[in-house]
Amino acid sequence: MHCDSEAAFGFYDTHSELYHERTFHLDPGDFLTPLMEKLSPGALVLDVGCSSGRDLCWFKDRRFAVIGFEGSPCLAEMARMNAECTVLEGDFTTFDFSGLSVDAILLVAVLVHLPHGFFESVLRRISRALRKGGYMLITMKEGEGSVIDKEDRTFYLWKDDMLKPLFDTTGFSVCHFSRNKSKLGTGEVWLEYVLQSRL
């Protein structure tokens, strides 16, 4: 993994309380509902990069089974307390997801710190947890190149015509696509996809 990505990932453990305060209260319904509508009642949802558990709680409240995955030990512990579910800890760029078997995977604002050249291989690695015909929700920031924010995090930006060929080559069909403005009021635009595995 490129060093600037490692620095960005480290931010979330060092600033876990701050990140929780910024994001946990936001209502995720607008971007989680398109995935929920594809799932059978009680489906098992894996939230990779679950942070302090907001989206786990949202799905659990709607009677779905949930499991979290988080790289920050501090955020993982918050998620366990908030969602009262299993939260695995690890680095999603190296973790062996083939030991899991889930109906859906959340990748909400998770792959944004990955350099473009790592995206496909990491997506393949994570998708090993998905059952045949399962669904994945993924959100990425729209733009070109990369930007560094005031907290020294590097975000890699994407266009729709860059992502769709990668989804196709990794065995996914796009079921839903939308552009959404950031709920943090920053004016940034997020690309949202619900994908279905063909494998």
C-alpha atoms as a PDB file:
ATOM      1  CA  MET A   1       0.000   0.000   0.000  1.00  0.00           C
ATOM      2  CA  HIS A   2       1.234   3.472  -0.892  1.00  0.00           C
ATOM      3  CA  CYS A   3       2.476   5.414   2.139  1.00  0.00           C
ATOM      4  CA  ASP A   4       0.001   8.303   1.787  1.00  0.00           C
ATOM      5  CA  SER A   5      -2.863   5.832   2.041  1.00  0.00           C
ATOM      6  CA  GLU A   6      -1.391   4.353   5.201  1.00  0.00           C
ATOM      7  CA  ALA A   7      -1.224   7.856   6.691  1.00  0.00           C
ATOM      8  CA  ALA A   8      -4.868   8.465   5.822  1.00  0.00           C
ATOM      9  CA  PHE A   9      -5.958   5.169   7.390  1.00  0.00           C
ATOM     10  CA  GLY A  10      -4.035   6.042  10.559  1.00  0.00           C
ATOM     11  CA  PHE A  11      -6.045   9.251  10.901  1.00  0.00           C
ATOM     12  CA  TYR A  12      -9.198   7.314  11.783  1.00  0.00           C
ATOM     13  CA  ASP A  13      -7.666   5.594  14.794  1.00  0.00           C
ATOM     14  CA  THR A  14      -5.887   8.705  16.073  1.00  0.00           C
ATOM     15  CA  HIS A  15      -9.032  10.828  15.635  1.00  0.00           C
ATOM     16  CA  SER A  16     -11.694   8.179  16.300  1.00  0.00           C
ATOM     17  CA  GLU A  17     -13.796  10.314  18.687  1.00  0.00           C
ATOM     18  CA  LEU A  18     -13.761  13.255  16.272  1.00  0.00           C
ATOM     19  CA  TYR A  19     -14.712  11.078  13.305  1.00  0.00           C
ATOM     20  CA  HIS A  20     -17.520   9.475  15.322  1.00  0.00           C
ATOM     21  CA  GLU A  21     -18.911  12.897  16.243  1.00  0.00           C
ATOM     22  CA  ARG A  22     -18.785  14.044  12.615  1.00  0.00           C
ATOM     23  CA  THR A  23     -20.483  11.049  11.057  1.00  0.00           C
ATOM     24  CA  PHE A  24     -22.519   8.923  13.471  1.00  0.00           C
ATOM     25  CA  HIS A  25     -25.495  11.284  13.680  1.00  0.00           C
ATOM     26  CA  LEU A  26     -25.932  11.544   9.902  1.00  0.00           C
ATOM     27  CA  ASP A  27     -28.969   9.695   8.509  1.00  0.00           C
ATOM     28  CA  PRO A  28     -27.663   7.119   6.001  1.00  0.00           C
ATOM     29  CA  GLY A  29     -31.103   6.128   4.733  1.00  0.00           C
ATOM     30  CA  ASP A  30     -30.817   7.943   1.396  1.00  0.00           C
ATOM     31  CA  PHE A  31     -27.825   5.907   0.267  1.00  0.00           C
ATOM     32  CA  LEU A  32     -28.498   2.632   2.100  1.00  0.00           C
ATOM     33  CA  THR A  33     -32.106   2.187   0.961  1.00  0.00           C
ATOM     34  CA  PRO A  34     -31.253   1.280  -2.675  1.00  0.00           C
ATOM     35  CA  LEU A  35     -29.252  -1.686  -1.368  1.00  0.00           C
ATOM     36  CA  MET A  36     -31.815  -2.652   1.275  1.00  0.00           C
ATOM     37  CA  GLU A  37     -34.534  -2.866  -1.375  1.00  0.00           C
ATOM     38  CA  LYS A  38     -32.544  -5.593  -3.169  1.00  0.00           C
ATOM     39  CA  LEU A  39     -32.130  -7.810  -0.104  1.00  0.00           C
ATOM     40  CA  SER A  40     -34.269 -10.590   1.309  1.00  0.00           C
ATOM     41  CA  PRO A  41     -35.505 -10.197   4.898  1.00  0.00           C
ATOM     42  CA  GLY A  42     -32.834 -11.131   7.405  1.00  0.00           C
ATOM     43  CA  ALA A  43     -29.984 -11.076   4.865  1.00  0.00           C
ATOM     44  CA  LEU A  44     -26.430 -10.947   6.235  1.00  0.00           C
ATOM     45  CA  VAL A  45     -24.702  -7.609   5.590  1.00  0.00           C
ATOM     46  CA  LEU A  46     -20.951  -7.067   5.999  1.00  0.00           C
ATOM     47  CA  ASP A  47     -19.904  -3.448   6.531  1.00  0.00           C
ATOM     48  CA  VAL A  48     -16.241  -3.063   5.572  1.00  0.00           C
ATOM     49  CA  GLY A  49     -14.819   0.066   7.172  1.00  0.00           C
ATOM     50  CA  CYS A  50     -17.800   0.228   9.508  1.00  0.00           C
ATOM     51  CA  SER A  51     -16.377   3.113  11.564  1.00  0.00           C
ATOM     52  CA  SER A  52     -18.309   3.505  14.830  1.00  0.00           C
ATOM     53  CA  GLY A  53     -21.262   1.421  13.614  1.00  0.00           C
ATOM     54  CA  ARG A  54     -23.805   3.876  12.199  1.00  0.00           C
ATOM     55  CA  ASP A  55     -24.703   1.797   9.132  1.00  0.00           C
ATOM     56  CA  LEU A  56     -24.583  -1.452  11.106  1.00  0.00           C
ATOM     57  CA  CYS A  57     -27.193   0.014  13.453  1.00  0.00           C
ATOM     58  CA  TRP A  58     -29.343   1.158  10.508  1.00  0.00           C
ATOM     59  CA  PHE A  59     -29.496  -2.335   9.003  1.00  0.00           C
ATOM     60  CA  LYS A  60     -29.848  -4.062  12.371  1.00  0.00           C
ATOM     61  CA  ASP A  61     -32.808  -1.820  13.233  1.00  0.00           C
ATOM     62  CA  ARG A  62     -34.452  -3.135  10.044  1.00  0.00           C
ATOM     63  CA  ARG A  63     -33.945  -6.745  11.150  1.00  0.00           C
ATOM     64  CA  PHE A  64     -30.976  -7.611   8.980  1.00  0.00           C
ATOM     65  CA  ALA A  65     -28.075  -9.669  10.313  1.00  0.00           C
ATOM     66  CA  VAL A  66     -24.877  -7.615  10.415  1.00  0.00           C
ATOM     67  CA  ILE A  67     -21.143  -8.018  10.850  1.00  0.00           C
ATOM     68  CA  GLY A  68     -18.573  -5.236  10.841  1.00  0.00           C
ATOM     69  CA  PHE A  69     -14.977  -4.954   9.689  1.00  0.00           C
ATOM     70  CA  GLU A  70     -12.775  -2.055  10.793  1.00  0.00           C
ATOM     71  CA  GLY A  71      -9.091  -1.183  10.654  1.00  0.00           C
ATOM     72  CA  SER A  72      -9.132   1.193  13.626  1.00  0.00           C
ATOM     73  CA  PRO A  73      -9.234  -0.645  16.974  1.00  0.00           C
ATOM     74  CA  CYS A  74     -10.844   2.400  18.629  1.00  0.00           C
ATOM     75  CA  LEU A  75     -13.636   2.671  16.034  1.00  0.00           C
ATOM     76  CA  ALA A  76     -14.117  -1.111  16.057  1.00  0.00           C
ATOM     77  CA  GLU A  77     -14.766  -1.035  19.805  1.00  0.00           C
ATOM     78  CA  MET A  78     -17.252   1.819  19.366  1.00  0.00           C
ATOM     79  CA  ALA A  79     -19.040  -0.170  16.656  1.00  0.00           C
ATOM     80  CA  ARG A  80     -19.298  -3.216  18.913  1.00  0.00           C
ATOM     81  CA  MET A  81     -20.903  -1.117  21.633  1.00  0.00           C
ATOM     82  CA  ASN A  82     -23.226   0.795  19.309  1.00  0.00           C
ATOM     83  CA  ALA A  83     -24.406  -2.063  17.092  1.00  0.00           C
ATOM     84  CA  GLU A  84     -23.936  -4.950  19.556  1.00  0.00           C
ATOM     85  CA  CYS A  85     -22.582  -7.240  16.867  1.00  0.00           C
ATOM     86  CA  THR A  86     -19.346  -8.925  15.814  1.00  0.00           C
ATOM     87  CA  VAL A  87     -16.772  -6.493  14.427  1.00  0.00           C
ATOM     88  CA  LEU A  88     -13.629  -7.969  12.920  1.00  0.00           C
ATOM     89  CA  GLU A  89     -10.405  -5.972  12.951  1.00  0.00           C
ATOM     90  CA  GLY A  90      -7.822  -5.903  10.199  1.00  0.00           C
ATOM     91  CA  ASP A  91      -6.441  -4.268   7.071  1.00  0.00           C
ATOM     92  CA  PHE A  92      -8.912  -4.757   4.240  1.00  0.00           C
ATOM     93  CA  THR A  93      -6.110  -4.546   1.674  1.00  0.00           C
ATOM     94  CA  THR A  94      -4.538  -7.771   3.011  1.00  0.00           C
ATOM     95  CA  PHE A  95      -7.297  -9.572   4.979  1.00  0.00           C
ATOM     96  CA  ASP A  96      -8.490 -12.932   3.625  1.00  0.00           C
ATOM     97  CA  PHE A  97     -12.217 -12.388   3.098  1.00  0.00           C
ATOM     98  CA  SER A  98     -12.740 -15.836   1.558  1.00  0.00           C
ATOM     99  CA  GLY A  99     -13.586 -17.254   4.987  1.00  0.00           C
ATOM    100  CA  LEU A 100     -16.778 -15.164   5.111  1.00  0.00           C
ATOM    101  CA  SER A 101     -20.039 -15.740   3.245  1.00  0.00           C
ATOM    102  CA  VAL A 102     -22.469 -12.807   3.177  1.00  0.00           C
ATOM    103  CA  ASP A 103     -25.428 -11.583   1.126  1.00  0.00           C
ATOM    104  CA  ALA A 104     -24.271  -7.982   0.846  1.00  0.00           C
ATOM    105  CA  ILE A 105     -21.206  -5.840   1.415  1.00  0.00           C
ATOM    106  CA  LEU A 106     -21.100  -2.149   2.290  1.00  0.00           C
ATOM    107  CA  LEU A 107     -18.142  -0.105   1.061  1.00  0.00           C
ATOM    108  CA  VAL A 108     -19.329   3.354   2.034  1.00  0.00           C
ATOM    109  CA  ALA A 109     -16.514   5.923   1.647  1.00  0.00           C
ATOM    110  CA  VAL A 110     -14.005   3.122   2.280  1.00  0.00           C
ATOM    111  CA  LEU A 111     -11.904   2.815  -0.876  1.00  0.00           C
ATOM    112  CA  VAL A 112     -11.421   6.568  -1.302  1.00  0.00           C
ATOM    113  CA  HIS A 113      -7.845   6.499   0.015  1.00  0.00           C
ATOM    114  CA  LEU A 114      -6.706   3.725  -2.325  1.00  0.00           C
ATOM    115  CA  PRO A 115      -4.489   4.823  -5.230  1.00  0.00           C
ATOM    116  CA  HIS A 116      -6.243   4.097  -8.516  1.00  0.00           C
ATOM    117  CA  GLY A 117      -3.905   1.229  -9.356  1.00  0.00           C
ATOM    118  CA  PHE A 118      -4.860  -0.700  -6.202  1.00  0.00           C
ATOM    119  CA  PHE A 119      -8.623  -0.403  -6.613  1.00  0.00           C
ATOM    120  CA  GLU A 120      -9.344  -3.477  -8.723  1.00  0.00           C
ATOM    121  CA  SER A 121      -7.211  -5.923  -6.713  1.00  0.00           C
ATOM    122  CA  VAL A 122      -8.650  -4.757  -3.376  1.00  0.00           C
ATOM    123  CA  LEU A 123     -12.216  -4.919  -4.726  1.00  0.00           C
ATOM    124  CA  ARG A 124     -11.573  -8.507  -5.842  1.00  0.00           C
ATOM    125  CA  ARG A 125     -10.165  -9.364  -2.407  1.00  0.00           C
ATOM    126  CA  ILE A 126     -13.162  -7.979  -0.519  1.00  0.00           C
ATOM    127  CA  SER A 127     -15.703  -9.506  -2.903  1.00  0.00           C
ATOM    128  CA  ARG A 128     -14.517 -13.003  -1.935  1.00  0.00           C
ATOM    129  CA  ALA A 129     -16.838 -12.677   1.063  1.00  0.00           C
ATOM    130  CA  LEU A 130     -19.890 -12.323  -1.198  1.00  0.00           C
ATOM    131  CA  ARG A 131     -22.197 -15.192  -2.064  1.00  0.00           C
ATOM    132  CA  LYS A 132     -23.031 -15.782  -5.719  1.00  0.00           C
ATOM    133  CA  GLY A 133     -25.627 -13.248  -6.820  1.00  0.00           C
ATOM    134  CA  GLY A 134     -24.966 -11.089  -3.766  1.00  0.00           C
ATOM    135  CA  TYR A 135     -24.925  -7.311  -3.704  1.00  0.00           C
ATOM    136  CA  MET A 136     -22.378  -4.619  -2.948  1.00  0.00           C
ATOM    137  CA  LEU A 137     -22.926  -0.936  -2.187  1.00  0.00           C
ATOM    138  CA  ILE A 138     -19.945   1.252  -2.997  1.00  0.00           C
ATOM    139  CA  THR A 139     -19.511   5.047  -2.804  1.00  0.00           C
ATOM    140  CA  MET A 140     -16.586   7.006  -4.253  1.00  0.00           C
ATOM    141  CA  LYS A 141     -15.814  10.724  -4.542  1.00  0.00           C
ATOM    142  CA  GLU A 142     -16.285  12.197  -7.998  1.00  0.00           C
ATOM    143  CA  GLY A 143     -13.471  14.096  -9.680  1.00  0.00           C
ATOM    144  CA  GLU A 144     -10.115  13.715 -11.367  1.00  0.00           C
ATOM    145  CA  GLY A 145      -6.747  12.792  -9.912  1.00  0.00           C
ATOM    146  CA  SER A 146      -6.414  13.172  -6.153  1.00  0.00           C
ATOM    147  CA  VAL A 147      -6.781  15.822  -3.446  1.00  0.00           C
ATOM    148  CA  ILE A 148      -5.278  16.271   0.015  1.00  0.00           C
ATOM    149  CA  ASP A 149      -7.597  17.678   2.662  1.00  0.00           C
ATOM    150  CA  LYS A 150      -6.759  19.915   5.616  1.00  0.00           C
ATOM    151  CA  GLU A 151      -6.166  16.823   7.768  1.00  0.00           C
ATOM    152  CA  ASP A 152      -3.516  15.547   5.342  1.00  0.00           C
ATOM    153  CA  ARG A 153      -5.675  12.698   4.016  1.00  0.00           C
ATOM    154  CA  THR A 154      -5.273  11.874   0.334  1.00  0.00           C
ATOM    155  CA  PHE A 155      -8.525  11.151  -1.515  1.00  0.00           C
ATOM    156  CA  TYR A 156      -8.408   9.522  -4.947  1.00  0.00           C
ATOM    157  CA  LEU A 157     -11.190  10.755  -7.212  1.00  0.00           C
ATOM    158  CA  TRP A 158     -13.136   8.862  -9.845  1.00  0.00           C
ATOM    159  CA  LYS A 159     -15.387   9.351 -12.845  1.00  0.00           C
ATOM    160  CA  ASP A 160     -18.277   7.059 -13.657  1.00  0.00           C
ATOM    161  CA  ASP A 161     -16.663   5.985 -16.937  1.00  0.00           C
ATOM    162  CA  MET A 162     -13.534   4.927 -15.010  1.00  0.00           C
ATOM    163  CA  LEU A 163     -15.388   2.778 -12.482  1.00  0.00           C
ATOM    164  CA  LYS A 164     -17.913   0.904 -14.617  1.00  0.00           C
ATOM    165  CA  PRO A 165     -15.294  -0.991 -16.669  1.00  0.00           C
ATOM    166  CA  LEU A 166     -13.577  -2.053 -13.425  1.00  0.00           C
ATOM    167  CA  PHE A 167     -16.865  -3.319 -12.007  1.00  0.00           C
ATOM    168  CA  ASP A 168     -17.464  -5.305 -15.176  1.00  0.00           C
ATOM    169  CA  THR A 169     -14.017  -6.934 -15.180  1.00  0.00           C
ATOM    170  CA  THR A 170     -14.383  -7.918 -11.514  1.00  0.00           C
ATOM    171  CA  GLY A 171     -17.682  -9.695 -12.217  1.00  0.00           C
ATOM    172  CA  PHE A 172     -20.291  -7.117 -11.197  1.00  0.00           C
ATOM    173  CA  SER A 173     -23.332  -5.652 -12.902  1.00  0.00           C
ATOM    174  CA  VAL A 174     -24.572  -2.185 -11.933  1.00  0.00           C
ATOM    175  CA  CYS A 175     -28.128  -2.317 -10.522  1.00  0.00           C
ATOM    176  CA  HIS A 176     -28.340   1.264  -9.274  1.00  0.00           C
ATOM    177  CA  PHE A 177     -26.350   4.439  -9.827  1.00  0.00           C
ATOM    178  CA  SER A 178     -26.760   7.950  -8.427  1.00  0.00           C
ATOM    179  CA  ARG A 179     -24.780  11.105  -7.676  1.00  0.00           C
ATOM    180  CA  ASN A 180     -25.262  12.543  -4.196  1.00  0.00           C
ATOM    181  CA  LYS A 181     -23.936  15.650  -2.478  1.00  0.00           C
ATOM    182  CA  SER A 182     -21.999  15.085   0.737  1.00  0.00           C
ATOM    183  CA  LYS A 183     -24.145  15.004   3.868  1.00  0.00           C
ATOM    184  CA  LEU A 184     -21.364  16.926   5.615  1.00  0.00           C
ATOM    185  CA  GLY A 185     -22.254  20.000   3.549  1.00  0.00           C
ATOM    186  CA  THR A 186     -18.872  20.218   1.856  1.00  0.00           C
ATOM    187  CA  GLY A 187     -20.306  20.369  -1.661  1.00  0.00           C
ATOM    188  CA  GLU A 188     -18.436  17.245  -2.743  1.00  0.00           C
ATOM    189  CA  VAL A 189     -20.263  14.786  -4.977  1.00  0.00           C
ATOM    190  CA  TRP A 190     -20.304  11.064  -4.232  1.00  0.00           C
ATOM    191  CA  LEU A 191     -20.894   8.371  -6.833  1.00  0.00           C
ATOM    192  CA  GLU A 192     -23.119   5.595  -5.457  1.00  0.00           C
ATOM    193  CA  TYR A 193     -23.434   2.134  -6.975  1.00  0.00           C
ATOM    194  CA  VAL A 194     -25.363  -0.971  -6.045  1.00  0.00           C
ATOM    195  CA  LEU A 195     -23.626  -3.871  -7.758  1.00  0.00           C
ATOM    196  CA  GLN A 196     -24.679  -7.498  -8.154  1.00  0.00           C
ATOM    197  CA  SER A 197     -22.126 -10.270  -8.400  1.00  0.00           C
ATOM    198  CA  ARG A 198     -22.266 -12.422 -11.524  1.00  0.00           C
ATOM    199  CA  LEU A 199     -19.782 -14.914 -10.068  1.00  0.00           C
END
